[in-house]
PDB file of N, CA and C in Angstrom:
ATOM      1  N   UNK A   1    -172.679   7.461-106.612  1.00  0.00           N
ATOM      2  CA  UNK A   1    -173.210   7.463-108.078  1.00  0.00           C
ATOM      3  C   UNK A   1    -174.017   8.907-108.119  1.00  0.00           C
ATOM      4  N   UNK A   2    -174.793   9.250-107.048  1.00  0.00           N
ATOM      5  CA  UNK A   2    -175.864  10.311-107.114  1.00  0.00           C
ATOM      6  C   UNK A   2    -175.221  11.738-107.415  1.00  0.00           C
ATOM      7  N   UNK A   3    -174.133  11.644-106.825  1.00  0.00           N
ATOM      8  CA  UNK A   3    -173.197  13.173-107.143  1.00  0.00           C
ATOM      9  C   UNK A   3    -173.073  13.093-108.639  1.00  0.00           C
ATOM     10  N   UNK A   4    -172.839  12.297-109.514  1.00  0.00           N
ATOM     11  CA  UNK A   4    -172.499  12.462-110.797  1.00  0.00           C
ATOM     12  C   UNK A   4    -173.393  12.930-111.315  1.00  0.00           C
ATOM     13  N   UNK A   5    -174.598  12.442-111.183  1.00  0.00           N
ATOM     14  CA  UNK A   5    -176.214  12.946-111.644  1.00  0.00           C
ATOM     15  C   UNK A   5    -176.457  14.134-111.494  1.00  0.00           C
ATOM     16  N   UNK A   6    -176.235  14.545-110.164  1.00  0.00           N
ATOM     17  CA  UNK A   6    -176.365  16.107-110.057  1.00  0.00           C
ATOM     18  C   UNK A   6    -175.437  16.581-110.543  1.00  0.00           C
ATOM     19  N   UNK A   7    -173.831  16.779-110.723  1.00  0.00           N
ATOM     20  CA  UNK A   7    -173.055  17.117-111.432  1.00  0.00           C
ATOM     21  C   UNK A   7    -173.689  17.501-112.964  1.00  0.00           C
ATOM     22  N   UNK A   8    -173.897  16.192-113.554  1.00  0.00           N
ATOM     23  CA  UNK A   8    -174.118  16.323-114.963  1.00  0.00           C
ATOM     24  C   UNK A   8    -175.561  17.261-115.114  1.00  0.00           C
ATOM     25  N   UNK A   9    -176.599  16.996-114.208  1.00  0.00           N
ATOM     26  CA  UNK A   9    -177.670  18.022-114.157  1.00  0.00           C
ATOM     27  C   UNK A   9    -177.436  19.553-114.085  1.00  0.00           C
ATOM     28  N   UNK A  10    -176.502  19.668-113.475  1.00  0.00           N
ATOM     29  CA  UNK A  10    -176.058  21.145-112.986  1.00  0.00           C
ATOM     30  C   UNK A  10    -175.343  21.601-114.156  1.00  0.00           C
ATOM     31  N   UNK A  11    -174.458  20.621-114.832  1.00  0.00           N
ATOM     32  CA  UNK A  11    -173.782  21.168-116.122  1.00  0.00           C
ATOM     33  C   UNK A  11    -174.504  21.446-117.222  1.00  0.00           C
ATOM     34  N   UNK A  12    -175.552  20.727-117.402  1.00  0.00           N
ATOM     35  CA  UNK A  12    -176.654  20.927-118.303  1.00  0.00           C
ATOM     36  C   UNK A  12    -177.600  22.346-118.039  1.00  0.00           C
ATOM     37  N   UNK A  13    -177.659  22.645-116.968  1.00  0.00           N
ATOM     38  CA  UNK A  13    -178.350  23.783-116.780  1.00  0.00           C
ATOM     39  C   UNK A  13    -177.406  24.967-117.060  1.00  0.00           C
ATOM     40  N   UNK A  14    -176.195  24.857-116.520  1.00  0.00           N
ATOM     41  CA  UNK A  14    -175.171  25.729-117.068  1.00  0.00           C
ATOM     42  C   UNK A  14    -174.913  26.105-118.404  1.00  0.00           C
ATOM     43  N   UNK A  15    -175.058  24.944-118.990  1.00  0.00           N
ATOM     44  CA  UNK A  15    -174.960  24.964-120.649  1.00  0.00           C
ATOM     45  C   UNK A  15    -176.180  25.588-121.093  1.00  0.00           C
ATOM     46  N   UNK A  16    -177.307  25.661-120.514  1.00  0.00           N
ATOM     47  CA  UNK A  16    -178.509  26.070-121.331  1.00  0.00           C
ATOM     48  C   UNK A  16    -178.104  27.717-120.766  1.00  0.00           C
ATOM     49  N   UNK A  17    -177.767  28.061-119.497  1.00  0.00           N
ATOM     50  CA  UNK A  17    -177.583  29.496-119.130  1.00  0.00           C
ATOM     51  C   UNK A  17    -176.546  30.131-120.263  1.00  0.00           C
ATOM     52  N   UNK A  18    -175.467  29.406-120.570  1.00  0.00           N
ATOM     53  CA  UNK A  18    -174.522  29.644-121.719  1.00  0.00           C
ATOM     54  C   UNK A  18    -175.159  30.240-122.940  1.00  0.00           C
ATOM     55  N   UNK A  19    -175.975  29.016-123.313  1.00  0.00           N
ATOM     56  CA  UNK A  19    -176.615  29.252-124.608  1.00  0.00           C
ATOM     57  C   UNK A  19    -177.613  30.320-124.748  1.00  0.00           C
ATOM     58  N   UNK A  20    -178.433  30.808-123.693  1.00  0.00           N
ATOM     59  CA  UNK A  20    -179.490  31.756-123.543  1.00  0.00           C
ATOM     60  C   UNK A  20    -178.874  32.971-123.411  1.00  0.00           C
ATOM     61  N   UNK A  21    -177.852  33.188-122.752  1.00  0.00           N
ATOM     62  CA  UNK A  21    -176.915  34.664-122.665  1.00  0.00           C
ATOM     63  C   UNK A  21    -176.363  34.754-123.911  1.00  0.00           C
ATOM     64  N   UNK A  22    -175.856  33.713-124.654  1.00  0.00           N
ATOM     65  CA  UNK A  22    -175.515  34.192-126.292  1.00  0.00           C
ATOM     66  C   UNK A  22    -176.612  34.690-126.916  1.00  0.00           C
ATOM     67  N   UNK A  23    -177.945  33.960-126.800  1.00  0.00           N
ATOM     68  CA  UNK A  23    -178.970  34.349-127.697  1.00  0.00           C
ATOM     69  C   UNK A  23    -179.374  35.833-127.087  1.00  0.00           C
ATOM     70  N   UNK A  24    -178.955  35.952-125.937  1.00  0.00           N
ATOM     71  CA  UNK A  24    -179.816  37.509-125.636  1.00  0.00           C
ATOM     72  C   UNK A  24    -178.491  38.690-125.830  1.00  0.00           C
ATOM     73  N   UNK A  25    -177.432  38.180-126.258  1.00  0.00           N
ATOM     74  CA  UNK A  25    -176.412  39.089-126.375  1.00  0.00           C
ATOM     75  C   UNK A  25    -175.901  39.742-124.968  1.00  0.00           C
ATOM     76  N   UNK A  26    -175.907  38.629-123.951  1.00  0.00           N
ATOM     77  CA  UNK A  26    -175.162  38.966-122.881  1.00  0.00           C
ATOM     78  C   UNK A  26    -173.811  38.243-122.729  1.00  0.00           C
ATOM     79  N   UNK A  27    -173.204  38.628-121.517  1.00  0.00           N
ATOM     80  CA  UNK A  27    -171.925  38.140-121.234  1.00  0.00           C
ATOM     81  C   UNK A  27    -172.015  36.691-120.660  1.00  0.00           C
ATOM     82  N   UNK A  28    -171.625  35.512-121.262  1.00  0.00           N
ATOM     83  CA  UNK A  28    -171.914  34.308-121.048  1.00  0.00           C
ATOM     84  C   UNK A  28    -171.303  33.885-119.660  1.00  0.00           C
ATOM     85  N   UNK A  29    -170.023  34.052-119.821  1.00  0.00           N
ATOM     86  CA  UNK A  29    -169.106  33.864-118.676  1.00  0.00           C
ATOM     87  C   UNK A  29    -169.531  34.287-117.488  1.00  0.00           C
ATOM     88  N   UNK A  30    -170.145  35.594-117.305  1.00  0.00           N
ATOM     89  CA  UNK A  30    -170.653  36.381-115.923  1.00  0.00           C
ATOM     90  C   UNK A  30    -171.777  35.694-115.561  1.00  0.00           C
ATOM     91  N   UNK A  31    -172.786  35.262-116.550  1.00  0.00           N
ATOM     92  CA  UNK A  31    -174.104  34.634-116.441  1.00  0.00           C
ATOM     93  C   UNK A  31    -173.773  33.012-115.674  1.00  0.00           C
ATOM     94  N   UNK A  32    -172.901  32.467-116.204  1.00  0.00           N
ATOM     95  CA  UNK A  32    -172.593  31.071-115.785  1.00  0.00           C
ATOM     96  C   UNK A  32    -171.879  31.289-114.312  1.00  0.00           C
ATOM     97  N   UNK A  33    -170.916  32.521-114.133  1.00  0.00           N
ATOM     98  CA  UNK A  33    -170.598  32.757-112.860  1.00  0.00           C
ATOM     99  C   UNK A  33    -171.614  32.581-111.775  1.00  0.00           C
ATOM    100  N   UNK A  34    -172.342  33.483-112.148  1.00  0.00           N
ATOM    101  CA  UNK A  34    -173.880  33.821-111.352  1.00  0.00           C
ATOM    102  C   UNK A  34    -174.501  32.736-111.184  1.00  0.00           C
ATOM    103  N   UNK A  35    -174.707  31.578-112.091  1.00  0.00           N
ATOM    104  CA  UNK A  35    -175.161  30.421-112.112  1.00  0.00           C
ATOM    105  C   UNK A  35    -174.517  29.478-110.767  1.00  0.00           C
ATOM    106  N   UNK A  36    -173.423  29.581-110.859  1.00  0.00           N
ATOM    107  CA  UNK A  36    -172.600  28.850-109.950  1.00  0.00           C
ATOM    108  C   UNK A  36    -172.589  29.175-108.664  1.00  0.00           C
ATOM    109  N   UNK A  37    -172.736  30.573-108.401  1.00  0.00           N
ATOM    110  CA  UNK A  37    -172.980  31.116-107.079  1.00  0.00           C
ATOM    111  C   UNK A  37    -174.442  30.925-106.688  1.00  0.00           C
ATOM    112  N   UNK A  38    -175.266  31.576-107.282  1.00  0.00           N
ATOM    113  CA  UNK A  38    -176.702  31.298-106.736  1.00  0.00           C
ATOM    114  C   UNK A  38    -177.422  30.210-107.064  1.00  0.00           C
ATOM    115  N   UNK A  39    -177.732  29.699-108.214  1.00  0.00           N
ATOM    116  CA  UNK A  39    -178.573  28.686-108.664  1.00  0.00           C
ATOM    117  C   UNK A  39    -178.578  28.756-110.242  1.00  0.00           C
ATOM    118  N   UNK A  40    -178.377  27.920-111.137  1.00  0.00           N
ATOM    119  CA  UNK A  40    -178.308  27.820-112.377  1.00  0.00           C
ATOM    120  C   UNK A  40    -179.907  28.103-112.909  1.00  0.00           C
ATOM    121  N   UNK A  41    -180.944  27.511-112.331  1.00  0.00           N
ATOM    122  CA  UNK A  41    -182.057  27.504-112.304  1.00  0.00           C
ATOM    123  C   UNK A  41    -182.616  28.768-112.449  1.00  0.00           C
ATOM    124  N   UNK A  42    -182.596  29.399-111.278  1.00  0.00           N
ATOM    125  CA  UNK A  42    -182.653  30.771-110.983  1.00  0.00           C
ATOM    126  C   UNK A  42    -182.318  31.746-112.233  1.00  0.00           C
ATOM    127  N   UNK A  43    -180.868  31.565-112.343  1.00  0.00           N
ATOM    128  CA  UNK A  43    -180.283  32.476-113.309  1.00  0.00           C
ATOM    129  C   UNK A  43    -180.876  32.155-114.484  1.00  0.00           C
ATOM    130  N   UNK A  44    -181.407  31.271-114.980  1.00  0.00           N
ATOM    131  CA  UNK A  44    -181.720  30.879-116.314  1.00  0.00           C
ATOM    132  C   UNK A  44    -183.257  31.590-116.372  1.00  0.00           C
ATOM    133  N   UNK A  45    -183.899  31.459-115.493  1.00  0.00           N
ATOM    134  CA  UNK A  45    -185.126  32.173-115.387  1.00  0.00           C
ATOM    135  C   UNK A  45    -185.205  33.375-115.506  1.00  0.00           C
ATOM    136  N   UNK A  46    -184.227  34.295-114.798  1.00  0.00           N
ATOM    137  CA  UNK A  46    -183.863  35.733-114.934  1.00  0.00           C
ATOM    138  C   UNK A  46    -183.719  36.119-116.266  1.00  0.00           C
ATOM    139  N   UNK A  47    -182.703  35.296-116.888  1.00  0.00           N
ATOM    140  CA  UNK A  47    -182.118  35.643-118.292  1.00  0.00           C
ATOM    141  C   UNK A  47    -183.265  35.585-119.396  1.00  0.00           C
ATOM    142  N   UNK A  48    -184.001  34.455-119.281  1.00  0.00           N
ATOM    143  CA  UNK A  48    -185.131  34.172-120.260  1.00  0.00           C
ATOM    144  C   UNK A  48    -186.180  35.481-120.226  1.00  0.00           C
ATOM    145  N   UNK A  49    -186.444  36.072-118.905  1.00  0.00           N
ATOM    146  CA  UNK A  49    -187.243  37.116-118.654  1.00  0.00           C
ATOM    147  C   UNK A  49    -186.451  38.295-119.426  1.00  0.00           C
ATOM    148  N   UNK A  50    -185.499  38.721-119.364  1.00  0.00           N
ATOM    149  CA  UNK A  50    -184.877  39.767-119.739  1.00  0.00           C
ATOM    150  C   UNK A  50    -184.619  39.844-121.253  1.00  0.00           C
ATOM    151  N   UNK A  51    -184.971  41.132-121.644  1.00  0.00           N
ATOM    152  CA  UNK A  51    -184.941  41.741-123.089  1.00  0.00           C
ATOM    153  C   UNK A  51    -183.432  41.132-123.956  1.00  0.00           C
ATOM    154  N   UNK A  52    -183.636  41.267-124.972  1.00  0.00           N
ATOM    155  CA  UNK A  52    -182.198  40.880-125.873  1.00  0.00           C
ATOM    156  C   UNK A  52    -181.568  42.272-125.919  1.00  0.00           C
ATOM    157  N   UNK A  53    -180.212  42.356-125.595  1.00  0.00           N
ATOM    158  CA  UNK A  53    -179.593  43.706-125.977  1.00  0.00           C
ATOM    159  C   UNK A  53    -179.051  43.765-127.327  1.00  0.00           C
ATOM    160  N   UNK A  54    -179.435  45.023-127.890  1.00  0.00           N
ATOM    161  CA  UNK A  54    -178.934  45.246-129.151  1.00  0.00           C
ATOM    162  C   UNK A  54    -177.195  45.209-129.434  1.00  0.00           C
ATOM    163  N   UNK A  55    -176.970  44.373-130.451  1.00  0.00           N
ATOM    164  CA  UNK A  55    -175.539  44.140-130.678  1.00  0.00           C
ATOM    165  C   UNK A  55    -175.567  43.575-132.066  1.00  0.00           C
ATOM    166  N   UNK A  56    -174.653  42.758-132.383  1.00  0.00           N
ATOM    167  CA  UNK A  56    -174.417  42.341-133.631  1.00  0.00           C
ATOM    168  C   UNK A  56    -175.335  41.221-133.889  1.00  0.00           C
ATOM    169  N   UNK A  57    -176.034  41.476-135.216  1.00  0.00           N
ATOM    170  CA  UNK A  57    -176.633  40.092-135.527  1.00  0.00           C
ATOM    171  C   UNK A  57    -175.995  39.499-136.221  1.00  0.00           C
ATOM    172  N   UNK A  58    -176.215  38.040-136.101  1.00  0.00           N
ATOM    173  CA  UNK A  58    -175.430  37.066-137.095  1.00  0.00           C
ATOM    174  C   UNK A  58    -175.886  36.897-138.203  1.00  0.00           C
ATOM    175  N   UNK A  59    -175.478  36.673-139.231  1.00  0.00           N
ATOM    176  CA  UNK A  59    -176.068  36.985-140.708  1.00  0.00           C
ATOM    177  C   UNK A  59    -176.541  35.241-140.645  1.00  0.00           C
ATOM    178  N   UNK A  60    -177.672  35.245-141.357  1.00  0.00           N
ATOM    179  CA  UNK A  60    -178.307  34.171-141.795  1.00  0.00           C
ATOM    180  C   UNK A  60    -177.577  33.432-142.578  1.00  0.00           C
ATOM    181  N   UNK A  61    -177.208  32.053-142.741  1.00  0.00           N
ATOM    182  CA  UNK A  61    -176.807  31.216-143.971  1.00  0.00           C
ATOM    183  C   UNK A  61    -177.692  31.218-145.068  1.00  0.00           C
ATOM    184  N   UNK A  62    -176.970  31.558-146.029  1.00  0.00           N
ATOM    185  CA  UNK A  62    -177.449  31.624-147.366  1.00  0.00           C
ATOM    186  C   UNK A  62    -177.198  30.684-147.870  1.00  0.00           C
ATOM    187  N   UNK A  63    -178.784  30.310-148.643  1.00  0.00           N
ATOM    188  CA  UNK A  63    -178.857  28.773-149.158  1.00  0.00           C
ATOM    189  C   UNK A  63    -178.322  29.024-150.727  1.00  0.00           C
ATOM    190  N   UNK A  64    -177.694  27.928-151.113  1.00  0.00           N
ATOM    191  CA  UNK A  64    -177.139  28.014-152.298  1.00  0.00           C
ATOM    192  C   UNK A  64    -178.427  27.340-153.074  1.00  0.00           C
ATOM    193  N   UNK A  65    -178.491  27.961-154.361  1.00  0.00           N
ATOM    194  CA  UNK A  65    -179.642  27.392-155.150  1.00  0.00           C
ATOM    195  C   UNK A  65    -178.946  26.236-155.990  1.00  0.00           C
ATOM    196  N   UNK A  66    -179.661  25.109-156.108  1.00  0.00           N
ATOM    197  CA  UNK A  66    -179.037  23.952-156.916  1.00  0.00           C
ATOM    198  C   UNK A  66    -179.808  24.086-158.303  1.00  0.00           C
ATOM    199  N   UNK A  67    -178.936  24.151-159.153  1.00  0.00           N
ATOM    200  CA  UNK A  67    -179.184  24.529-160.687  1.00  0.00           C
ATOM    201  C   UNK A  67    -179.380  22.941-161.125  1.00  0.00           C
ATOM    202  N   UNK A  68    -180.494  22.558-161.829  1.00  0.00           N
ATOM    203  CA  UNK A  68    -180.972  21.291-162.354  1.00  0.00           C
ATOM    204  C   UNK A  68    -180.337  21.366-164.030  1.00  0.00           C
ATOM    205  N   UNK A  69    -179.609  20.737-164.150  1.00  0.00           N
ATOM    206  CA  UNK A  69    -178.996  20.673-165.640  1.00  0.00           C
ATOM    207  C   UNK A  69    -179.588  19.650-166.387  1.00  0.00           C
ATOM    208  N   UNK A  70    -180.387  20.148-167.300  1.00  0.00           N
ATOM    209  CA  UNK A  70    -181.166  19.216-168.331  1.00  0.00           C
ATOM    210  C   UNK A  70    -180.125  18.465-169.199  1.00  0.00           C
ATOM    211  N   UNK A  71    -180.378  17.210-169.568  1.00  0.00           N
ATOM    212  CA  UNK A  71    -179.415  16.555-170.216  1.00  0.00           C
ATOM    213  C   UNK A  71    -180.161  15.974-171.448  1.00  0.00           C
TER     214      UNK A  71
END
């Protein structure tokens, strides 16, 4: 039973590594592989310290204006 908890915690750290790598415009697969080899917590800390790479900026979703029609 304990092994399942360890696997779930490990998976959560790998998912966090994936999300941080994407937000920093880094290659998520490579960072997740590094997390599997070394430790996802150490890789996550290293990724958090690194600066964001210049790359494609994701366009923010435009909010649609809701027009109120008077009756």
